[in-house]
Amino acid sequence: MADKRHNLIRNIMTLAAIYAIIQLLISFDIIDQHLQLNLFLLCINIILAVSLNLITGFTGQFSLGHAGFMAIGAYVSAVMTLKLHLPFPLAIATSAVSAAIVGVLVGIPTLRLRGDYLAIATLGLSEIIRIIALNIDYIGGASGLADIPRYVNWPWIFAMTAGTIIIIYNFIHSSYGRACIAIREDDVAAESMGINIARYKILAFTIGAFFAGIAGSLYANYFYFLKPNAFGFMKSIDILVMVVFGGLGSITGSVVGAAALTLLSMVLQDLPTLRMILYALLLLVIMLYRPQGLLGNAELSWKLLKRGDKDATATNGK
């Protein structure tokens, strides 16, 4: 009990320190507009990667529709803040709930699908959402929607990112999360043990879509311009690569994967073709030499780092 309390205090202090340091750097303009843009994009990518990992890494459902859920959140938030002039907190909540409702609607008919079939079905959903956005003039159509109010700042995006990680971490370590992991390992055995597979698959899809909707809302109200092509097939691939690179079944792995791929995109932003080649090579190398990702299903923690230091010391001693 004392260890849990100690870890909780340390985690809170770590989060507070990260928030305060970056806020100071922004206030003194050490983090300029360009770096701030990439920092905010990193946070959005972390939300997307962690929420997709819940669906793919922890529940074992191969989904390629996360960009579609993000698009729903982005357009709902844009309409509510730009067209209806409603408060941003209401817009972000409505965006998340709207994406979650679509997640339920997707989860129900795809319950019997798995593997490649599920990936194709969710990809089809994402493309349907993109095509619908392309053909609705009210939200800009193919020309895009501009002049969306910019409400997102560092406190907002930090709170949403930290909240996503904390909520999904606690979900995974609850009885619901253990049921999802059991389904991933062997759904037949899980069902024979009394786990309602349909319920937990839909629940995972719903929670993942909920947080993807939040990411979409943050994206819309920070970049203040939306275009349907921003939520196409390659966006879903980007998110999936982050999850696979960091480690399927690892929340901190998703954070590391999102950070690595966002940094790579920032460095190669003037060479989009080269970026896609490197993505393909990165996936190939991971599948061949580290199929479980950088962290596998382990979580990066102070205890793990200390254990690594002890192992290194022992090896040097020999």
Protein backbone atom coordinates (compact mmCIF):
# COMPACT_ATOMS: atom_id res chain seq x y z
CA MET A 1 0.00 0.00 0.00
CA ALA A 2 2.85 2.34 0.88
CA ASP A 3 4.58 1.53 -2.45
CA LYS A 4 1.40 2.35 -4.39
CA ARG A 5 1.02 5.65 -2.57
CA HIS A 6 4.69 6.43 -3.16
CA ASN A 7 4.38 5.64 -6.89
CA LEU A 8 1.23 7.75 -7.16
CA ILE A 9 2.92 10.77 -5.55
CA ARG A 10 5.97 10.34 -7.78
CA ASN A 11 3.84 10.11 -10.93
CA ILE A 12 1.86 13.23 -9.97
CA MET A 13 5.08 15.12 -9.29
CA THR A 14 6.52 13.97 -12.63
CA LEU A 15 3.43 15.17 -14.52
CA ALA A 16 3.43 18.48 -12.66
CA ALA A 17 7.13 18.98 -13.42
CA ILE A 18 6.63 18.23 -17.14
CA TYR A 19 3.70 20.65 -17.32
CA ALA A 20 5.52 23.44 -15.44
CA ILE A 21 8.79 23.13 -17.38
CA ILE A 22 7.13 23.21 -20.80
CA GLN A 23 4.80 26.05 -19.75
CA LEU A 24 7.84 28.08 -18.69
CA LEU A 25 9.64 27.32 -21.95
CA ILE A 26 6.57 28.45 -23.91
CA SER A 27 6.17 31.58 -21.77
CA PHE A 28 9.79 32.65 -22.36
CA ASP A 29 9.45 31.82 -26.08
CA ILE A 30 12.22 29.22 -25.88
CA ILE A 31 9.73 26.85 -27.51
CA ASP A 32 8.83 28.92 -30.57
CA GLN A 33 5.72 28.57 -32.73
CA HIS A 34 7.26 25.89 -34.94
CA LEU A 35 8.35 23.72 -32.01
CA GLN A 36 5.05 24.35 -30.25
CA LEU A 37 3.14 23.15 -33.31
CA ASN A 38 5.14 19.90 -33.34
CA LEU A 39 4.78 19.52 -29.57
CA PHE A 40 0.99 19.81 -29.83
CA LEU A 41 0.97 17.40 -32.78
CA LEU A 42 2.99 14.97 -30.65
CA CYS A 43 0.39 15.13 -27.89
CA ILE A 44 -2.43 14.51 -30.38
CA ASN A 45 -0.50 11.54 -31.78
CA ILE A 46 0.00 10.15 -28.27
CA ILE A 47 -3.76 10.26 -27.67
CA LEU A 48 -4.38 8.50 -31.00
CA ALA A 49 -1.69 5.85 -30.46
CA VAL A 50 -2.69 5.03 -26.87
CA SER A 51 -6.38 4.78 -27.78
CA LEU A 52 -5.66 2.57 -30.83
CA ASN A 53 -3.43 0.37 -28.68
CA LEU A 54 -6.43 -0.35 -26.47
CA ILE A 55 -8.26 -1.74 -29.52
CA THR A 56 -5.38 -3.43 -31.33
CA GLY A 57 -2.72 -4.10 -28.72
CA PHE A 58 -4.79 -4.99 -25.66
CA THR A 59 -7.98 -6.42 -27.20
CA GLY A 60 -6.46 -7.90 -30.35
CA GLN A 61 -8.74 -6.21 -32.90
CA PHE A 62 -6.84 -5.10 -35.99
CA SER A 63 -8.42 -1.73 -36.76
CA LEU A 64 -7.57 0.68 -39.57
CA GLY A 65 -10.42 3.08 -38.92
CA HIS A 66 -8.94 5.35 -36.28
CA ALA A 67 -8.55 8.25 -38.70
CA GLY A 68 -12.31 8.07 -39.31
CA PHE A 69 -13.06 8.45 -35.59
CA MET A 70 -10.63 11.36 -35.47
CA ALA A 71 -12.36 12.98 -38.45
CA ILE A 72 -15.74 12.76 -36.69
CA GLY A 73 -14.34 14.49 -33.61
CA ALA A 74 -12.62 17.15 -35.70
CA TYR A 75 -15.64 18.08 -37.81
CA VAL A 76 -18.12 17.98 -34.92
CA SER A 77 -15.88 20.29 -32.89
CA ALA A 78 -15.34 22.60 -35.85
CA VAL A 79 -19.06 22.91 -36.56
CA MET A 80 -19.91 23.55 -32.91
CA THR A 81 -17.26 26.23 -32.40
CA LEU A 82 -17.26 27.88 -35.85
CA LYS A 83 -20.85 27.52 -37.05
CA LEU A 84 -22.83 27.30 -33.80
CA HIS A 85 -20.48 29.41 -31.61
CA LEU A 86 -20.73 27.00 -28.69
CA PRO A 87 -18.13 26.75 -25.88
CA PHE A 88 -15.08 24.62 -26.59
CA PRO A 89 -15.54 22.33 -23.53
CA LEU A 90 -19.00 21.41 -24.85
CA ALA A 91 -17.57 20.91 -28.34
CA ILE A 92 -14.81 18.58 -27.20
CA ALA A 93 -17.25 16.52 -25.08
CA THR A 94 -19.73 16.26 -27.96
CA SER A 95 -16.93 15.29 -30.36
CA ALA A 96 -15.82 12.47 -28.08
CA VAL A 97 -19.36 11.16 -27.56
CA SER A 98 -20.14 11.36 -31.30
CA ALA A 99 -17.04 9.33 -32.17
CA ALA A 100 -17.88 6.84 -29.40
CA ILE A 101 -21.39 6.34 -30.80
CA VAL A 102 -19.90 5.55 -34.21
CA GLY A 103 -17.50 3.20 -32.42
CA VAL A 104 -20.48 1.29 -31.04
CA LEU A 105 -22.12 1.19 -34.47
CA VAL A 106 -18.88 -0.17 -35.95
CA GLY A 107 -18.29 -2.65 -33.14
CA ILE A 108 -21.68 -4.35 -33.36
CA PRO A 109 -21.62 -5.53 -37.01
CA THR A 110 -17.89 -6.40 -36.99
CA LEU A 111 -17.99 -8.65 -33.91
CA ARG A 112 -17.52 -11.82 -35.95
CA LEU A 113 -14.66 -10.41 -37.99
CA ARG A 114 -11.03 -10.69 -37.05
CA GLY A 115 -7.59 -10.09 -38.52
CA ASP A 116 -7.47 -8.85 -42.10
CA TYR A 117 -11.25 -8.91 -42.48
CA LEU A 118 -11.72 -6.56 -39.54
CA ALA A 119 -8.96 -4.28 -40.86
CA ILE A 120 -10.68 -4.05 -44.25
CA ALA A 121 -14.08 -3.36 -42.65
CA THR A 122 -12.74 -0.56 -40.43
CA LEU A 123 -10.73 0.89 -43.31
CA GLY A 124 -13.93 0.95 -45.35
CA LEU A 125 -15.68 2.84 -42.56
CA SER A 126 -12.89 5.41 -42.41
CA GLU A 127 -13.09 5.95 -46.17
CA ILE A 128 -16.89 6.30 -46.01
CA ILE A 129 -16.51 9.06 -43.40
CA ARG A 130 -13.90 10.82 -45.55
CA ILE A 131 -16.05 10.62 -48.70
CA ILE A 132 -19.08 11.96 -46.81
CA ALA A 133 -17.00 14.91 -45.59
CA LEU A 134 -15.83 15.53 -49.16
CA ASN A 135 -19.43 15.92 -50.34
CA ILE A 136 -20.95 18.10 -47.61
CA ASP A 137 -20.62 21.78 -48.51
CA TYR A 138 -21.71 22.86 -45.01
CA ILE A 139 -18.37 21.61 -43.63
CA GLY A 140 -16.33 22.87 -46.56
CA GLY A 141 -16.40 19.82 -48.81
CA ALA A 142 -13.24 19.16 -50.81
CA SER A 143 -12.05 22.76 -50.32
CA GLY A 144 -11.83 22.29 -46.57
CA LEU A 145 -13.13 24.22 -43.58
CA ALA A 146 -11.11 27.28 -42.53
CA ASP A 147 -11.09 29.90 -39.76
CA ILE A 148 -11.92 27.44 -36.97
CA PRO A 149 -11.43 29.21 -33.60
CA ARG A 150 -8.13 28.31 -31.93
CA TYR A 151 -9.00 27.38 -28.36
CA VAL A 152 -6.32 24.77 -27.76
CA ASN A 153 -3.36 25.82 -25.63
CA TRP A 154 -0.77 23.96 -23.56
CA PRO A 155 -2.98 23.46 -20.46
CA TRP A 156 -5.78 22.03 -22.61
CA ILE A 157 -3.66 19.64 -24.62
CA PHE A 158 -1.59 18.52 -21.63
CA ALA A 159 -4.71 17.78 -19.60
CA MET A 160 -6.27 15.77 -22.44
CA THR A 161 -3.07 13.81 -23.12
CA ALA A 162 -2.38 13.00 -19.48
CA GLY A 163 -6.05 12.21 -18.89
CA THR A 164 -6.11 9.77 -21.83
CA ILE A 165 -3.05 7.91 -20.58
CA ILE A 166 -4.29 7.75 -16.98
CA ILE A 167 -7.82 6.61 -17.87
CA ILE A 168 -6.71 3.92 -20.32
CA TYR A 169 -3.97 2.74 -17.94
CA ASN A 170 -6.49 2.33 -15.14
CA PHE A 171 -8.95 0.64 -17.50
CA ILE A 172 -6.31 -1.91 -18.56
CA HIS A 173 -5.50 -2.70 -14.92
CA SER A 174 -9.17 -3.19 -14.02
CA SER A 175 -11.26 -6.34 -14.42
CA TYR A 176 -12.52 -4.93 -17.75
CA GLY A 177 -8.98 -4.55 -19.04
CA ARG A 178 -8.02 -8.06 -17.96
CA ALA A 179 -11.06 -9.37 -19.84
CA CYS A 180 -9.91 -7.52 -22.98
CA ILE A 181 -6.41 -9.02 -22.64
CA ALA A 182 -7.93 -12.49 -22.20
CA ILE A 183 -9.87 -12.00 -25.45
CA ARG A 184 -6.65 -11.00 -27.20
CA GLU A 185 -4.84 -14.10 -25.98
CA ASP A 186 -7.59 -16.61 -26.80
CA ASP A 187 -11.18 -15.53 -27.36
CA VAL A 188 -12.49 -19.11 -27.32
CA ALA A 189 -10.91 -19.79 -23.93
CA ALA A 190 -12.09 -16.39 -22.66
CA GLU A 191 -15.67 -17.15 -23.71
CA SER A 192 -15.51 -20.56 -22.05
CA MET A 193 -14.51 -18.81 -18.81
CA GLY A 194 -17.68 -16.70 -18.94
CA ILE A 195 -16.34 -13.52 -20.52
CA ASN A 196 -18.88 -11.77 -22.74
CA ILE A 197 -16.69 -11.30 -25.83
CA ALA A 198 -19.18 -9.11 -27.70
CA ARG A 199 -19.53 -6.73 -24.76
CA TYR A 200 -15.81 -6.18 -24.26
CA LYS A 201 -14.98 -5.86 -27.95
CA ILE A 202 -17.64 -3.16 -28.32
CA LEU A 203 -16.42 -1.51 -25.12
CA ALA A 204 -12.83 -1.38 -26.40
CA PHE A 205 -13.95 0.06 -29.74
CA THR A 206 -16.10 2.64 -27.98
CA ILE A 207 -13.39 3.84 -25.60
CA GLY A 208 -10.79 3.95 -28.37
CA ALA A 209 -13.14 5.93 -30.61
CA PHE A 210 -14.00 8.27 -27.71
CA PHE A 211 -10.40 9.36 -27.27
CA ALA A 212 -9.81 9.52 -31.04
CA GLY A 213 -12.72 12.00 -31.11
CA ILE A 214 -10.94 14.09 -28.46
CA ALA A 215 -7.78 14.04 -30.56
CA GLY A 216 -9.79 15.20 -33.57
CA SER A 217 -11.33 18.05 -31.59
CA LEU A 218 -7.90 19.21 -30.40
CA TYR A 219 -6.59 19.00 -33.96
CA ALA A 220 -9.45 21.10 -35.37
CA ASN A 221 -9.25 23.82 -32.73
CA TYR A 222 -5.50 24.16 -32.89
CA PHE A 223 -4.72 23.96 -36.61
CA TYR A 224 -7.96 25.88 -37.44
CA PHE A 225 -8.24 24.28 -40.90
CA LEU A 226 -9.70 20.89 -41.84
CA LYS A 227 -9.55 18.99 -45.10
CA PRO A 228 -11.03 15.49 -45.58
CA ASN A 229 -7.78 14.16 -47.10
CA ALA A 230 -6.03 14.77 -43.77
CA PHE A 231 -8.01 11.79 -42.41
CA GLY A 232 -7.38 9.33 -45.20
CA PHE A 233 -5.82 5.88 -45.31
CA MET A 234 -2.28 7.14 -44.64
CA LYS A 235 -3.36 8.78 -41.38
CA SER A 236 -4.62 5.43 -40.10
CA ILE A 237 -1.34 3.84 -41.19
CA ASP A 238 0.62 6.54 -39.35
CA ILE A 239 -1.22 5.79 -36.11
CA LEU A 240 -0.81 2.03 -36.56
CA VAL A 241 2.94 2.39 -37.19
CA MET A 242 3.28 4.36 -33.92
CA VAL A 243 1.55 1.57 -32.01
CA VAL A 244 3.51 -1.27 -33.65
CA PHE A 245 6.83 0.55 -33.34
CA GLY A 246 6.34 1.30 -29.64
CA GLY A 247 4.92 -2.11 -28.76
CA LEU A 248 1.51 -3.72 -29.00
CA GLY A 249 0.13 -3.94 -25.48
CA SER A 250 2.30 -1.18 -23.98
CA ILE A 251 0.91 2.26 -23.16
CA THR A 252 4.34 3.79 -22.63
CA GLY A 253 5.39 2.06 -25.86
CA SER A 254 2.68 4.01 -27.67
CA VAL A 255 4.06 7.24 -26.18
CA VAL A 256 7.59 6.34 -27.34
CA GLY A 257 6.34 5.31 -30.78
CA ALA A 258 4.33 8.52 -31.19
CA ALA A 259 7.34 10.61 -30.12
CA ALA A 260 9.71 8.82 -32.51
CA LEU A 261 7.42 9.01 -35.53
CA THR A 262 6.42 12.64 -34.87
CA LEU A 263 10.10 13.58 -34.64
CA LEU A 264 10.81 11.70 -37.89
CA SER A 265 7.94 13.52 -39.63
CA MET A 266 9.21 16.87 -38.34
CA VAL A 267 12.72 16.22 -39.68
CA LEU A 268 11.44 14.97 -43.05
CA GLN A 269 8.49 17.36 -43.48
CA ASP A 270 10.00 18.77 -46.70
CA LEU A 271 10.48 15.24 -48.09
CA PRO A 272 7.09 13.51 -47.80
CA THR A 273 8.00 10.76 -50.29
CA LEU A 274 11.16 9.88 -48.39
CA ARG A 275 9.14 9.83 -45.17
CA MET A 276 6.83 7.12 -46.54
CA ILE A 277 9.83 5.08 -47.74
CA LEU A 278 11.35 5.27 -44.26
CA TYR A 279 8.00 4.28 -42.73
CA ALA A 280 7.92 1.19 -44.95
CA LEU A 281 11.53 0.29 -44.11
CA LEU A 282 10.87 0.86 -40.41
CA LEU A 283 7.89 -1.49 -40.48
CA LEU A 284 9.91 -4.11 -42.38
CA VAL A 285 12.77 -3.96 -39.87
CA ILE A 286 10.39 -4.16 -36.91
CA MET A 287 8.54 -7.17 -38.34
CA LEU A 288 11.82 -8.99 -39.05
CA TYR A 289 13.89 -8.22 -35.98
CA ARG A 290 11.56 -6.87 -33.28
CA PRO A 291 7.97 -7.93 -34.09
CA GLN A 292 6.83 -7.09 -30.55
CA GLY A 293 7.97 -3.46 -30.92
CA LEU A 294 10.49 -1.51 -28.87
CA LEU A 295 8.94 -2.28 -25.48
CA GLY A 296 6.84 -5.31 -26.39
CA ASN A 297 4.04 -5.51 -23.84
CA ALA A 298 6.20 -4.10 -21.02
CA GLU A 299 5.68 -0.67 -19.49
CA LEU A 300 8.53 1.79 -19.09
CA SER A 301 8.80 2.62 -15.37
CA TRP A 302 11.28 3.72 -12.73
CA LYS A 303 11.46 0.12 -11.51
CA LEU A 304 12.29 -1.16 -15.01
CA LEU A 305 14.99 1.50 -15.45
CA LYS A 306 16.54 0.61 -12.09
CA ARG A 307 16.49 -3.08 -13.03
CA GLY A 308 18.22 -2.21 -16.32
CA ASP A 309 20.92 -0.29 -14.42
CA LYS A 310 21.47 -3.27 -12.09
CA ASP A 311 21.71 -5.68 -15.05
CA ALA A 312 24.22 -3.40 -16.76
CA THR A 313 26.28 -3.12 -13.57
CA ALA A 314 26.25 -6.88 -13.12
CA THR A 315 27.35 -7.41 -16.74
CA ASN A 316 30.20 -4.91 -16.37
CA GLY A 317 31.24 -6.58 -13.14
CA LYS A 318 31.62 -9.91 -14.89
